[in-house]
Protein backbone atom coordinates (compact mmCIF):
# COMPACT_ATOMS: atom_id res chain seq x y z
CA MET A 1 0.05 0.17 0.04
CA THR A 2 2.73 2.35 0.90
CA GLU A 3 4.29 1.81 -2.42
CA SER A 4 0.57 2.51 -4.27
CA THR A 5 0.25 5.32 -2.56
CA ASN A 6 3.96 6.86 -3.60
CA GLU A 7 3.34 5.68 -6.86
CA SER A 8 0.16 8.04 -7.13
CA ASP A 9 2.02 10.83 -5.83
CA ASP A 10 4.51 10.73 -8.05
CA SER A 11 2.04 10.26 -10.62
CA ARG A 12 0.44 13.48 -9.47
CA LYS A 13 3.62 15.23 -9.48
CA LEU A 14 3.88 14.29 -13.08
CA ASP A 15 0.79 15.31 -13.88
CA ASP A 16 1.36 18.33 -12.34
CA SER A 17 4.63 19.02 -14.07
CA ASP A 18 4.31 17.80 -17.62
CA PRO A 19 1.37 18.90 -19.34
CA SER A 20 2.30 16.53 -21.97
CA THR A 21 2.12 13.78 -20.09
CA GLU A 22 -1.55 14.44 -19.00
CA SER A 23 -2.48 15.22 -22.41
CA SER A 24 -0.83 11.99 -23.70
CA ASN A 25 -2.94 10.23 -20.47
CA THR A 26 -6.03 12.05 -21.51
CA ASP A 27 -5.57 10.83 -25.36
CA ASN A 28 -5.13 7.36 -23.83
CA GLU A 29 -8.01 7.41 -21.32
CA GLN A 30 -10.25 9.34 -24.11
CA VAL A 31 -11.73 11.18 -20.94
CA PRO A 32 -13.79 14.48 -22.11
CA ILE A 33 -12.13 17.62 -20.34
CA GLU A 34 -12.58 20.87 -20.66
CA PRO A 35 -9.60 22.55 -23.47
CA VAL A 36 -6.27 23.93 -21.36
CA VAL A 37 -4.74 27.29 -22.33
CA ASP A 38 -1.27 27.74 -22.04
CA VAL A 39 -0.24 30.09 -20.08
CA THR A 40 2.52 31.34 -22.61
CA ASP A 41 0.36 32.52 -24.91
CA ILE A 42 -2.28 34.37 -22.11
CA GLY A 43 0.87 36.14 -21.32
CA GLN A 44 1.72 37.13 -24.41
CA GLU A 45 -2.21 37.82 -25.47
CA GLN A 46 -1.88 40.20 -21.87
CA THR A 47 1.14 41.62 -23.22
CA VAL A 48 0.13 43.04 -26.70
CA PRO A 49 -2.38 45.61 -26.03
CA SER A 50 0.14 46.98 -23.94
CA TYR A 51 2.08 47.85 -26.51
CA LYS A 52 -0.33 48.68 -28.80
CA ARG A 53 -1.26 51.68 -26.56
CA ASP A 54 2.64 53.00 -26.10
CA SER A 55 3.02 52.96 -29.77
CA ALA A 56 -0.41 55.06 -30.77
CA LYS A 57 0.83 57.66 -27.83
CA THR A 58 4.08 57.91 -29.61
CA ASP A 59 2.35 58.45 -32.76
CA LYS A 60 -0.29 61.41 -31.01
CA SER A 61 2.88 62.76 -29.23
CA ALA A 62 4.78 63.44 -32.61
CA MET A 63 1.39 64.47 -34.35
CA ILE A 64 1.39 67.01 -31.87
CA LYS A 65 4.93 67.81 -32.26
CA LYS A 66 4.42 68.33 -35.72
CA ALA A 67 1.60 70.26 -35.86
CA ILE A 68 3.18 72.86 -33.28
CA LEU A 69 6.05 72.41 -35.42
CA ALA A 70 4.07 73.75 -38.37
CA LEU A 71 2.14 76.57 -36.57
CA LEU A 72 5.59 78.15 -35.49
CA VAL A 73 6.38 78.16 -38.94
CA LEU A 74 3.58 79.97 -40.18
CA ILE A 75 3.41 82.05 -37.48
CA ILE A 76 7.44 83.21 -38.62
CA LEU A 77 5.88 83.16 -41.82
CA GLY A 78 2.72 85.28 -41.46
CA ALA A 79 5.25 87.70 -39.53
CA ILE A 80 7.60 87.81 -42.47
CA ALA A 81 4.86 88.38 -45.20
CA TYR A 82 3.44 91.53 -42.69
CA GLY A 83 6.57 92.92 -42.52
CA LEU A 84 7.31 93.14 -45.77
CA TYR A 85 3.70 95.02 -46.34
CA LYS A 86 4.18 97.20 -43.78
CA SER A 87 7.14 97.73 -45.45
CA ASN A 88 6.05 98.39 -48.61
CA GLN A 89 2.86 100.09 -47.32
CA HIS A 90 5.20 102.40 -45.70
CA ASN A 91 6.68 102.96 -49.01
CA GLU A 92 3.95 103.78 -51.20
CA PRO A 93 2.16 106.92 -50.04
CA GLU A 94 -1.58 106.84 -48.61
CA ILE A 95 -3.90 108.44 -50.87
CA ILE A 96 -5.19 111.35 -48.96
CA THR A 97 -9.57 111.37 -49.29
CA LEU A 98 -11.52 114.64 -49.01
CA GLN A 99 -15.04 114.98 -48.76
CA GLY A 100 -17.04 118.49 -50.35
CA GLN A 101 -20.52 119.12 -51.06
CA MET A 102 -22.72 119.65 -54.30
CA GLN A 103 -24.74 123.36 -54.05
CA MET A 104 -26.53 124.94 -56.30
CA GLN A 105 -28.58 128.16 -56.63
CA GLN A 106 -31.62 128.93 -54.61
CA THR A 107 -33.88 131.51 -54.83
CA SER A 108 -36.88 132.16 -52.20
CA ILE A 109 -40.02 133.49 -54.15
CA ALA A 110 -41.94 136.05 -51.43
CA ALA A 111 -44.61 138.24 -51.81
CA LYS A 112 -44.39 141.90 -52.13
CA VAL A 113 -47.68 142.25 -51.29
CA PRO A 114 -50.00 140.95 -48.02
CA GLY A 115 -52.94 138.74 -49.32
CA ARG A 116 -54.55 135.28 -49.12
CA ILE A 117 -53.32 132.78 -51.50
CA ALA A 118 -55.73 131.19 -53.46
CA LYS A 119 -54.29 128.75 -55.35
CA ILE A 120 -50.61 127.11 -55.75
CA MET A 121 -50.19 126.16 -59.29
CA VAL A 122 -46.76 123.53 -58.85
CA THR A 123 -45.58 121.33 -56.08
CA GLU A 124 -42.13 120.37 -55.10
CA GLY A 125 -40.05 118.48 -58.19
CA ASP A 126 -41.33 120.26 -60.76
CA ALA A 127 -39.11 122.03 -63.63
CA VAL A 128 -40.56 125.40 -64.20
CA THR A 129 -39.82 128.34 -66.94
CA VAL A 130 -39.10 131.75 -66.70
CA GLY A 131 -42.07 133.67 -66.23
CA GLN A 132 -44.63 130.76 -64.90
CA GLN A 133 -47.03 131.90 -62.71
CA LEU A 134 -46.72 129.62 -59.30
CA ILE A 135 -48.73 131.12 -56.97
CA GLU A 136 -51.96 132.86 -57.16
CA MET A 137 -53.12 135.66 -54.84
CA ASP A 138 -56.49 137.42 -53.64
CA SER A 139 -56.06 140.93 -52.31
CA PRO A 140 -59.08 142.74 -52.38
CA GLU A 141 -57.14 146.18 -50.59
CA ILE A 142 -54.86 145.82 -54.22
CA ASN A 143 -58.21 146.18 -56.33
CA ALA A 144 -59.57 149.22 -54.24
CA LYS A 145 -56.62 150.89 -54.58
CA ILE A 146 -56.71 150.32 -58.27
CA ASN A 147 -59.85 152.03 -58.45
CA GLN A 148 -58.73 154.67 -56.47
CA ALA A 149 -56.06 155.61 -58.88
CA ARG A 150 -58.60 155.27 -61.57
CA ALA A 151 -61.09 157.85 -60.18
CA GLY A 152 -58.13 160.07 -59.53
CA LYS A 153 -56.87 160.02 -62.99
CA GLN A 154 -59.91 161.00 -64.08
CA MET A 155 -59.87 164.17 -61.85
CA ALA A 156 -56.47 165.01 -63.12
CA GLN A 157 -57.14 164.61 -66.67
CA SER A 158 -60.53 166.90 -66.59
CA GLN A 159 -58.71 169.46 -64.88
CA LEU A 160 -55.52 169.32 -67.39
CA ASP A 161 -58.43 169.84 -70.14
CA LYS A 162 -59.76 172.93 -68.60
CA ALA A 163 -56.54 174.63 -68.37
CA GLU A 164 -54.92 173.54 -71.86
CA ASN A 165 -58.76 174.32 -73.95
CA GLY A 166 -59.26 177.72 -71.47
CA ALA A 167 -62.30 179.61 -71.24
CA ARG A 168 -65.74 178.50 -72.70
CA PRO A 169 -66.90 181.21 -75.80
CA GLN A 170 -70.25 181.93 -72.80
CA GLU A 171 -67.29 183.20 -70.21
CA ILE A 172 -65.36 184.79 -72.59
CA ALA A 173 -68.44 186.93 -73.41
CA GLN A 174 -69.39 187.58 -69.99
CA ALA A 175 -66.24 188.87 -69.20
CA LYS A 176 -65.95 191.32 -71.96
CA ALA A 177 -69.26 192.58 -71.32
CA ALA A 178 -68.47 193.10 -67.84
CA TRP A 179 -65.61 194.74 -68.65
CA GLN A 180 -67.71 197.16 -70.91
CA ALA A 181 -69.86 197.66 -68.29
CA ASN A 182 -67.19 199.14 -66.33
CA LYS A 183 -65.56 201.04 -68.94
CA ALA A 184 -68.48 203.19 -69.52
CA ALA A 185 -68.95 204.26 -65.68
CA SER A 186 -65.87 204.80 -65.59
CA ASP A 187 -66.29 207.29 -68.30
CA LEU A 188 -69.41 208.44 -66.52
CA ALA A 189 -67.67 209.18 -63.28
CA GLU A 190 -64.58 210.78 -65.25
CA ASN A 191 -67.18 213.56 -67.07
CA THR A 192 -69.44 213.81 -63.72
CA TYR A 193 -65.65 214.54 -62.05
CA GLN A 194 -65.03 217.53 -64.80
CA ARG A 195 -68.15 219.16 -64.52
CA VAL A 196 -68.03 219.37 -60.49
CA ASN A 197 -64.45 220.63 -60.42
CA ARG A 198 -65.36 223.34 -62.74
CA LEU A 199 -68.26 224.36 -60.45
CA TYR A 200 -65.63 224.02 -57.25
CA GLU A 201 -63.66 226.18 -59.25
CA GLU A 202 -66.04 228.24 -60.01
CA GLY A 203 -67.25 228.36 -55.94
CA LEU A 204 -70.54 226.77 -56.68
CA MET A 205 -69.86 223.62 -55.82
CA ALA A 206 -68.42 222.40 -52.49
CA ARG A 207 -65.31 220.92 -52.00
CA GLN A 208 -66.50 217.53 -50.45
CA LYS A 209 -68.29 217.00 -53.66
CA ARG A 210 -65.61 217.48 -55.61
CA ASP A 211 -63.63 214.87 -53.64
CA GLU A 212 -66.41 212.53 -53.56
CA ALA A 213 -66.76 213.03 -57.08
CA TYR A 214 -62.67 212.18 -57.44
CA ALA A 215 -63.33 209.17 -55.75
CA GLN A 216 -66.20 207.41 -57.79
CA TYR A 217 -64.16 208.58 -60.66
CA LEU A 218 -61.07 206.57 -59.73
CA ALA A 219 -63.25 203.54 -58.08
CA THR A 220 -64.36 203.16 -61.53
CA GLN A 221 -60.95 203.29 -63.15
CA ASP A 222 -60.46 200.43 -60.71
CA GLN A 223 -63.18 198.45 -61.82
CA THR A 224 -62.48 198.85 -65.35
CA GLU A 225 -59.08 197.82 -65.41
CA ALA A 226 -59.90 194.15 -63.35
CA ALA A 227 -62.88 193.97 -65.63
CA ARG A 228 -60.45 194.07 -68.79
CA LEU A 229 -57.89 191.41 -67.25
CA GLN A 230 -60.24 189.47 -66.49
CA TYR A 231 -61.65 189.36 -70.06
CA GLU A 232 -58.12 189.10 -71.45
CA LEU A 233 -57.42 186.30 -69.04
CA ALA A 234 -60.63 184.80 -70.34
CA MET A 235 -59.19 185.21 -73.91
CA GLU A 236 -55.80 184.01 -73.07
CA GLY A 237 -56.84 180.78 -71.25
CA ALA A 238 -55.09 179.03 -68.13
CA ARG A 239 -50.71 179.90 -67.48
CA SER A 240 -48.56 177.67 -68.84
CA GLU A 241 -47.56 177.26 -64.97
CA ASP A 242 -50.91 175.88 -64.40
CA LYS A 243 -50.79 173.55 -67.55
CA SER A 244 -47.83 172.31 -66.26
CA ALA A 245 -49.13 171.96 -62.29
CA ALA A 246 -52.45 169.96 -64.26
CA THR A 247 -49.81 167.85 -66.47
CA ALA A 248 -47.87 166.72 -63.06
CA GLN A 249 -51.16 165.68 -61.15
CA VAL A 250 -52.00 163.56 -64.15
CA ALA A 251 -48.45 162.16 -64.50
CA GLN A 252 -48.82 161.32 -60.48
CA VAL A 253 -52.32 159.55 -60.77
CA ASP A 254 -50.71 157.35 -63.82
CA ALA A 255 -48.17 156.14 -61.43
CA GLN A 256 -50.83 155.68 -58.89
CA LEU A 257 -52.64 153.52 -60.54
CA GLU A 258 -49.90 151.82 -62.10
CA GLU A 259 -48.00 150.93 -58.98
CA ALA A 260 -51.35 149.24 -58.24
CA LEU A 261 -51.45 147.58 -61.00
CA VAL A 262 -47.85 146.36 -60.25
CA ALA A 263 -48.97 145.06 -57.08
CA LYS A 264 -51.95 143.16 -58.47
CA GLU A 265 -49.60 141.61 -60.73
CA GLU A 266 -46.94 140.63 -58.20
CA ALA A 267 -49.91 138.81 -56.31
CA ASN A 268 -49.66 136.46 -59.23
CA LEU A 269 -46.45 135.27 -58.36
CA LYS A 270 -44.19 134.42 -61.34
CA SER A 271 -41.05 132.60 -61.35
CA PRO A 272 -37.92 134.67 -61.70
CA ILE A 273 -35.69 132.13 -63.30
CA ALA A 274 -35.85 128.43 -65.10
CA GLY A 275 -35.24 125.86 -62.57
CA VAL A 276 -36.74 123.31 -60.10
CA VAL A 277 -39.20 123.54 -57.28
CA ASP A 278 -37.25 122.95 -54.57
CA THR A 279 -39.66 123.02 -51.12
CA VAL A 280 -43.20 124.78 -51.26
CA ILE A 281 -43.81 126.39 -47.19
CA VAL A 282 -47.15 127.54 -47.53
CA ASN A 283 -50.64 126.16 -47.86
CA ALA A 284 -53.81 127.51 -50.44
CA GLY A 285 -55.69 129.58 -47.67
CA GLU A 286 -53.39 130.67 -45.79
CA VAL A 287 -52.82 134.48 -45.32
CA ILE A 288 -49.28 135.88 -45.58
CA GLY A 289 -47.63 139.20 -44.95
CA GLN A 290 -45.32 141.18 -46.76
CA GLY A 291 -41.96 139.48 -47.93
CA VAL A 292 -42.75 136.24 -46.27
CA PRO A 293 -41.25 133.38 -48.19
CA LEU A 294 -43.55 130.91 -50.11
CA LEU A 295 -41.47 128.41 -51.97
CA THR A 296 -37.87 127.80 -53.06
CA LEU A 297 -36.42 127.44 -56.51
CA VAL A 298 -33.28 126.14 -57.24
CA ASN A 299 -31.00 126.55 -60.66
CA THR A 300 -30.11 123.17 -61.33
CA ASN A 301 -27.62 124.36 -64.36
CA GLU A 302 -25.99 126.75 -61.67
CA GLN A 303 -24.20 123.96 -59.68
CA TRP A 304 -21.04 123.80 -57.68
CA VAL A 305 -18.86 121.97 -55.07
CA VAL A 306 -17.25 123.17 -51.66
CA LEU A 307 -14.18 121.51 -50.44
CA ASN A 308 -12.18 122.41 -47.24
CA VAL A 309 -8.59 122.16 -47.68
CA THR A 310 -6.10 122.27 -46.32
CA GLU A 311 -2.92 124.55 -47.71
CA THR A 312 -0.91 121.46 -47.75
CA TYR A 313 -2.71 120.39 -50.58
CA LEU A 314 -3.67 124.08 -52.11
CA ASN A 315 -2.08 123.63 -54.96
CA GLN A 316 -3.91 120.89 -56.67
CA PHE A 317 -6.80 123.05 -56.36
CA ALA A 318 -5.60 126.17 -58.05
CA ILE A 319 -8.08 128.64 -60.04
CA GLY A 320 -8.65 126.97 -63.62
CA GLN A 321 -7.15 123.75 -62.31
CA ARG A 322 -9.56 120.39 -63.04
CA PHE A 323 -9.92 116.84 -60.80
CA THR A 324 -12.39 113.87 -60.67
CA GLY A 325 -14.94 113.71 -58.24
CA THR A 326 -17.18 111.12 -57.13
CA ILE A 327 -20.76 111.56 -56.18
CA PRO A 328 -21.91 108.27 -53.73
CA ALA A 329 -25.40 109.17 -54.47
CA LEU A 330 -25.40 108.34 -58.27
CA SER A 331 -23.32 105.84 -57.80
CA SER A 332 -23.94 102.21 -57.76
CA PRO A 333 -21.49 99.27 -56.55
CA GLU A 334 -20.65 98.59 -60.12
CA LYS A 335 -20.59 101.53 -61.60
CA PRO A 336 -19.28 104.85 -59.36
CA TYR A 337 -20.45 108.11 -60.74
CA THR A 338 -17.88 110.39 -61.24
CA LYS A 339 -17.84 114.22 -62.43
CA GLN A 340 -15.16 116.46 -63.51
CA PHE A 341 -15.01 119.94 -61.96
CA THR A 342 -12.76 123.06 -62.39
CA VAL A 343 -12.02 125.27 -59.81
CA TYR A 344 -12.64 128.88 -59.62
CA ALA A 345 -12.96 130.63 -56.60
CA THR A 346 -10.75 130.22 -53.13
CA SER A 347 -11.47 131.97 -50.18
CA THR A 348 -9.49 131.24 -46.78
CA LEU A 349 -11.51 130.51 -44.07
CA SER A 350 -11.75 131.82 -40.25
CA ASP A 351 -9.32 131.12 -37.78
CA PHE A 352 -11.65 128.47 -35.94
CA ALA A 353 -10.33 125.92 -39.19
CA THR A 354 -6.91 126.54 -38.18
CA TRP A 355 -4.67 123.52 -37.47
CA ARG A 356 -2.60 124.94 -34.39
CA PRO A 357 0.74 122.80 -33.42
CA THR A 358 0.84 121.62 -29.72
CA ASN A 359 4.44 122.87 -29.54
CA ASN A 360 7.21 124.66 -31.21
CA ASP A 361 8.80 121.48 -32.66
CA ASP A 362 5.57 120.92 -34.80
CA GLY A 363 6.25 123.33 -37.42
CA PHE A 364 4.05 126.25 -38.74
CA ASP A 365 0.14 126.83 -38.56
CA VAL A 366 -2.29 125.18 -41.31
CA ARG A 367 -4.46 127.18 -42.62
CA THR A 368 -8.05 125.81 -44.35
CA PHE A 369 -9.19 127.19 -47.63
CA GLU A 370 -12.87 127.26 -49.15
CA VAL A 371 -12.39 125.38 -52.74
CA LYS A 372 -15.19 126.46 -55.02
CA ALA A 373 -15.28 124.17 -58.87
CA ARG A 374 -18.11 124.04 -60.91
CA PRO A 375 -19.05 120.80 -63.30
CA THR A 376 -17.40 120.55 -66.95
CA ALA A 377 -21.15 119.74 -67.43
CA PRO A 378 -24.20 120.27 -64.87
CA ASP A 379 -26.17 117.58 -64.33
CA ARG A 380 -29.85 117.85 -63.64
CA ARG A 381 -29.91 114.46 -61.33
CA ILE A 382 -27.64 116.22 -58.52
CA ARG A 383 -29.03 118.25 -55.65
CA SER A 384 -27.99 119.95 -53.04
CA GLY A 385 -26.14 118.73 -50.39
CA MET A 386 -24.57 115.51 -51.99
CA SER A 387 -21.29 114.42 -50.47
CA VAL A 388 -18.50 114.56 -53.17
CA VAL A 389 -15.74 112.68 -52.57
CA VAL A 390 -12.09 113.37 -53.94
CA ARG A 391 -8.56 111.54 -53.39
CA ILE A 392 -5.53 112.98 -53.57
CA ASN A 393 -2.01 111.19 -54.28
CA PRO A 394 0.40 112.97 -52.38
CA ALA A 395 3.13 111.93 -54.55
CA LEU A 396 1.50 114.20 -57.15
CA VAL A 397 1.53 117.23 -53.76
CA ASN A 398 5.14 116.41 -53.73
CA GLN A 399 6.15 116.24 -57.64
CA THR A 400 4.17 119.79 -57.82
CA GLN A 401 6.60 121.36 -54.98
CA GLU A 402 9.34 120.25 -56.48
């Protein structure tokens, strides 16, 4: 029994130490057992995933390093490109942009006489011609003045006609008869005085009677002379001075009548220029006073642009010089609207537009000038207030100064 026990122990040891023996015994015995897993294979299988993770981490670290290196290269290249761009930008002069404003001749239409607006015959944007009626006004005061002036003219004209035609034949005959009667009375008074005077000299008549006869004689002579002059005046007619005064009176009344008619004509306002109605300020039915603006007209043929230019660039805007400007209001994204202008006036602005240096090293004071230029060909689409953009090349400024 001891040997068998030892043998069995030995056989268990052999089984544990030699797998091949176990497998062979198993095969020989043909006993179904579960498959045996090799420890070496299990170790190998457990080691392989660990190796793969380490290699993946290594590859990812290498890729990150490459990306960082590429990013650094791009940053360096970008810095170099930016430096070259700024260097070229400093070498090339910067274009200077000026902004001006379009202006047009504006005419305010105002009433010369007060009245009520009866009708407005135009609207904003309408094109008008010279002499075209714009507003019709109703003014009863003007009509009353016209009637008064006409009545005064008739009166003055009748006085002038009377002065020019002289006295009527009946008046002349009446004046002559009065003269003849006074002359007869004067002759009778003279004869009476002579008889009384002879009687007085003979002592037959008192002195008082002689004096009374003499006074009567003198009185009848004066009356006769006055009647004669009245007759001659009737024959001669009015004096030249009276005729001149009557003529002047007629001219004065004519002037008053003409003034009233002109006031009536001015009440119906007409356009003094050809242009476009810009604004209509009043409405029909309103009562307006003398000199109150009613509407505004613009002359589209009188256009100009106003620019404020410092004296640094003033040499490019000499009188008679041309430049090109862009009007954004009439431009499109595909095609900018450009216009050529000719400078016709320059004037300095007030001191508030003067740029002054902050210290002595900054240079001298720079004055600002107002430049006015007309377009070579006016455009009816242009309106007052539209911006005009003008670009200046400083290189040309320096060349001009040299």
